[in-house]
N, C-alpha and C. Protein backbone atom coordinates (compact mmCIF):
# COMPACT_ATOMS: atom_id res chain seq x y z
N MET A 1 152.91 98.51 67.07
CA MET A 1 152.24 99.18 68.31
C MET A 1 151.52 99.26 67.06
N SER A 2 149.96 100.49 67.18
CA SER A 2 149.13 100.31 66.92
C SER A 2 149.15 101.88 66.31
N THR A 3 148.37 102.46 65.40
CA THR A 3 148.43 104.15 64.36
C THR A 3 146.88 104.57 64.49
N HIS A 4 146.00 103.83 64.98
CA HIS A 4 144.93 104.28 65.79
C HIS A 4 145.12 105.27 66.75
N HIS A 5 144.75 106.85 66.36
CA HIS A 5 144.14 107.88 67.35
C HIS A 5 143.28 107.33 68.32
N PHE A 6 143.79 107.15 69.71
CA PHE A 6 142.72 107.63 70.67
C PHE A 6 141.77 108.64 71.04
N ASP A 7 140.46 109.70 70.23
CA ASP A 7 139.80 109.40 71.12
C ASP A 7 139.65 110.69 71.89
N ALA A 8 139.94 110.65 72.89
CA ALA A 8 139.35 110.89 74.42
C ALA A 8 137.76 111.63 74.37
N PRO A 9 137.23 112.85 74.24
CA PRO A 9 135.87 113.21 74.14
C PRO A 9 135.78 112.98 73.81
N THR A 10 135.13 111.97 72.56
CA THR A 10 134.49 111.48 71.72
C THR A 10 133.78 110.05 72.32
N GLU A 11 135.06 108.80 73.12
CA GLU A 11 135.00 108.08 73.68
C GLU A 11 134.10 108.55 75.10
N LEU A 12 134.68 109.54 75.95
CA LEU A 12 133.79 109.98 76.93
C LEU A 12 132.31 110.17 76.78
N LYS A 13 131.68 110.85 75.44
CA LYS A 13 130.69 111.11 75.25
C LYS A 13 129.87 110.05 75.00
N LYS A 14 130.68 108.56 74.20
CA LYS A 14 129.53 107.62 74.02
C LYS A 14 129.10 106.75 75.92
N ILE A 15 130.00 106.86 76.14
CA ILE A 15 130.12 105.85 77.57
C ILE A 15 128.19 107.24 78.33
N ARG A 16 129.22 108.98 78.62
CA ARG A 16 127.85 109.32 78.57
C ARG A 16 126.36 109.34 78.39
N GLN A 17 126.62 108.80 76.71
CA GLN A 17 124.86 108.55 76.48
C GLN A 17 124.77 107.49 76.81
N HIS A 18 125.47 106.16 76.69
CA HIS A 18 124.79 104.61 76.84
C HIS A 18 124.93 105.14 78.95
N THR A 19 125.55 105.26 79.65
CA THR A 19 124.74 105.51 81.04
C THR A 19 123.62 106.14 81.04
N SER A 20 123.92 107.60 80.53
CA SER A 20 122.14 108.15 80.52
C SER A 20 121.13 107.27 80.08
N ALA A 21 121.06 106.60 78.83
CA ALA A 21 120.12 105.59 78.25
C ALA A 21 119.67 104.65 79.61
N LYS A 22 121.11 103.51 79.81
CA LYS A 22 120.53 102.98 81.28
C LYS A 22 120.54 102.83 82.00
N ARG A 23 119.92 104.97 82.23
CA ARG A 23 119.60 105.27 84.17
C ARG A 23 117.81 105.53 83.68
N ARG A 24 117.55 105.17 82.24
CA ARG A 24 116.16 106.66 82.03
C ARG A 24 115.64 105.09 83.10
N LYS A 25 114.56 105.23 83.52
CA LYS A 25 113.69 104.75 84.60
C LYS A 25 112.62 104.13 83.61
N SER A 26 111.84 102.92 83.87
CA SER A 26 110.66 102.19 82.43
C SER A 26 109.38 102.56 83.65
N TYR A 27 109.07 102.58 82.97
CA TYR A 27 107.35 102.78 83.72
C TYR A 27 106.85 101.44 83.36
N GLN A 28 106.03 100.45 84.13
CA GLN A 28 104.82 100.44 83.88
C GLN A 28 103.82 100.18 84.38
N GLN A 29 102.56 99.47 83.58
CA GLN A 29 101.55 100.68 84.13
C GLN A 29 100.91 99.11 84.74
N CYS A 30 100.26 99.79 85.57
CA CYS A 30 100.40 98.60 87.31
C CYS A 30 98.99 97.52 86.69
N ARG A 31 99.38 96.28 87.12
CA ARG A 31 98.77 95.02 86.70
C ARG A 31 97.33 95.14 87.37
N LEU A 32 97.00 95.93 88.22
CA LEU A 32 95.58 95.97 88.76
C LEU A 32 95.33 97.28 88.42
N MET A 33 95.36 98.17 87.81
CA MET A 33 94.70 99.46 87.05
C MET A 33 93.89 98.16 85.58
N LYS A 34 93.69 97.74 84.97
CA LYS A 34 93.32 96.27 84.08
C LYS A 34 92.69 95.49 85.19
N LEU A 35 92.01 95.94 86.03
CA LEU A 35 91.31 94.59 86.46
C LEU A 35 90.52 95.54 88.12
N ARG A 36 90.26 96.93 87.46
CA ARG A 36 90.16 98.18 88.01
C ARG A 36 88.26 98.03 88.69
N THR A 37 87.83 97.48 87.51
CA THR A 37 85.94 97.67 87.76
C THR A 37 85.75 96.44 88.52
N GLU A 38 86.05 95.28 88.73
CA GLU A 38 86.16 93.54 89.16
C GLU A 38 86.13 94.20 90.87
N LEU A 39 87.74 94.77 91.07
CA LEU A 39 88.44 95.35 91.83
C LEU A 39 87.46 96.22 92.68
N VAL A 40 86.83 98.20 92.22
CA VAL A 40 85.52 98.07 92.93
C VAL A 40 84.23 97.62 93.92
N ALA A 41 84.39 96.66 92.70
CA ALA A 41 82.54 95.35 92.89
C ALA A 41 82.98 95.32 94.06
N LEU A 42 84.70 93.90 94.23
CA LEU A 42 84.53 93.48 95.53
C LEU A 42 84.95 94.02 96.53
N ARG A 43 84.98 95.32 96.37
CA ARG A 43 85.90 95.81 97.24
C ARG A 43 84.10 96.33 97.98
N LYS A 44 82.71 97.11 96.72
CA LYS A 44 81.75 97.85 97.36
C LYS A 44 80.56 96.70 98.28
N GLU A 45 80.93 95.29 97.59
CA GLU A 45 80.31 94.45 97.68
C GLU A 45 80.96 94.33 99.85
N GLY A 46 81.65 94.23 100.33
CA GLY A 46 81.93 94.47 101.61
C GLY A 46 83.77 93.28 101.38
N ALA A 47 84.34 93.46 100.58
CA ALA A 47 85.32 92.48 100.39
C ALA A 47 86.61 93.19 100.97
N SER A 48 87.86 92.41 101.82
CA SER A 48 88.62 92.00 102.58
C SER A 48 89.94 92.73 101.45
N TYR A 49 90.52 93.48 101.86
CA TYR A 49 91.81 92.94 100.78
C TYR A 49 92.28 92.31 101.43
N ARG A 50 92.11 91.24 101.76
CA ARG A 50 93.08 89.97 101.79
C ARG A 50 91.64 88.81 100.69
N GLU A 51 91.07 89.05 100.88
CA GLU A 51 90.11 88.24 100.19
C GLU A 51 90.36 89.03 98.83
N ILE A 52 90.55 90.12 98.03
CA ILE A 52 90.84 90.80 98.08
C ILE A 52 91.53 89.78 96.44
N LEU A 53 93.18 89.46 97.70
CA LEU A 53 94.24 89.73 97.27
C LEU A 53 94.21 87.88 97.17
N LEU A 54 93.47 86.97 97.95
CA LEU A 54 93.13 85.37 96.94
C LEU A 54 92.62 85.20 95.46
N TRP A 55 91.86 86.48 95.36
CA TRP A 55 90.76 86.48 94.45
C TRP A 55 91.46 86.57 93.52
N LEU A 56 93.07 87.84 93.83
CA LEU A 56 93.61 87.86 92.06
C LEU A 56 94.73 87.36 92.35
N ARG A 57 95.29 86.00 93.26
CA ARG A 57 95.88 84.66 92.77
C ARG A 57 94.90 84.11 92.56
N GLN A 58 93.92 83.19 92.97
CA GLN A 58 93.26 82.18 92.74
C GLN A 58 92.94 82.48 90.98
N THR A 59 92.31 83.67 90.67
CA THR A 59 91.60 83.61 89.59
C THR A 59 92.56 84.32 87.87
N LYS A 60 93.59 85.86 89.32
CA LYS A 60 94.33 86.49 87.78
C LYS A 60 95.15 85.82 87.30
N ARG A 61 95.45 84.48 88.66
CA ARG A 61 97.45 84.52 88.27
C ARG A 61 98.48 86.13 89.09
N ILE A 62 97.75 87.19 89.91
CA ILE A 62 98.63 87.96 90.18
C ILE A 62 99.11 87.86 91.55
N LYS A 63 100.92 88.15 91.55
CA LYS A 63 101.04 87.32 93.56
C LYS A 63 101.29 88.99 93.52
N THR A 64 100.98 89.39 94.31
CA THR A 64 101.32 90.69 95.19
C THR A 64 101.14 90.60 96.80
N THR A 65 100.81 92.01 97.19
CA THR A 65 100.36 92.15 98.94
C THR A 65 99.18 93.02 99.19
N HIS A 66 98.32 92.62 99.89
CA HIS A 66 97.64 93.60 100.27
C HIS A 66 97.60 94.91 100.66
N THR A 67 99.31 95.14 100.76
CA THR A 67 99.31 96.68 101.24
C THR A 67 99.62 97.50 99.81
N THR A 68 99.83 96.43 98.94
CA THR A 68 99.58 97.10 97.83
C THR A 68 97.74 97.36 97.23
N VAL A 69 96.97 96.29 97.25
CA VAL A 69 95.97 96.16 96.69
C VAL A 69 94.67 97.75 97.28
N MET A 70 95.77 98.01 99.10
CA MET A 70 94.66 98.58 99.54
C MET A 70 95.39 99.75 99.59
N ARG A 71 96.65 99.70 98.74
CA ARG A 71 96.72 101.55 98.05
C ARG A 71 95.97 101.71 96.95
N TYR A 72 96.41 101.19 96.86
CA TYR A 72 95.76 101.14 95.09
C TYR A 72 94.18 101.12 95.09
N LEU A 73 93.54 100.61 95.94
CA LEU A 73 91.64 101.18 95.74
C LEU A 73 91.54 102.36 97.16
N GLU A 74 92.93 102.17 97.64
CA GLU A 74 92.75 103.56 98.22
C GLU A 74 92.40 104.94 98.05
N LYS A 75 93.25 105.10 96.53
CA LYS A 75 93.16 106.46 95.52
C LYS A 75 92.44 106.15 94.34
N LEU A 76 91.06 104.87 94.89
CA LEU A 76 90.75 105.67 93.77
C LEU A 76 88.70 106.10 93.83
N PRO A 77 88.33 107.37 92.80
CA PRO A 77 87.45 108.41 93.60
C PRO A 77 86.34 107.04 93.67
N GLU A 78 86.30 105.98 93.68
CA GLU A 78 85.17 105.47 93.90
C GLU A 78 85.06 104.75 94.86
N LEU A 79 86.14 104.47 95.04
CA LEU A 79 85.80 104.26 97.06
C LEU A 79 86.12 105.24 97.80
N LYS A 80 86.52 106.64 97.65
CA LYS A 80 87.03 107.90 98.46
C LYS A 80 84.54 108.14 98.85
N GLU A 81 85.35 107.88 100.51
CA GLU A 81 84.06 107.61 101.62
C GLU A 81 83.37 109.58 101.87
N THR A 82 82.74 109.47 101.21
CA THR A 82 81.21 110.80 101.57
C THR A 82 81.05 110.76 102.34
N PRO A 83 81.08 111.84 103.40
CA PRO A 83 80.58 112.47 104.40
C PRO A 83 79.27 112.65 104.31
């Protein structure tokens, strides 16, 4: 038999710290942010979201969807329509 004393509160504290650290979300910067000026320029020239998507895949090797591109660009102040 082992003579080691089991300390339940200490072990529970270790487990909770471990799960708390795993639960934290790490946020990664959007890959489209690096290409903001190019994306805005393409959109202002009349490129559709699917054409921008094709450009991203062919030239920048970024695989995403056209809706992601659309949501990103619609949030930018440069492309807000003024009445």
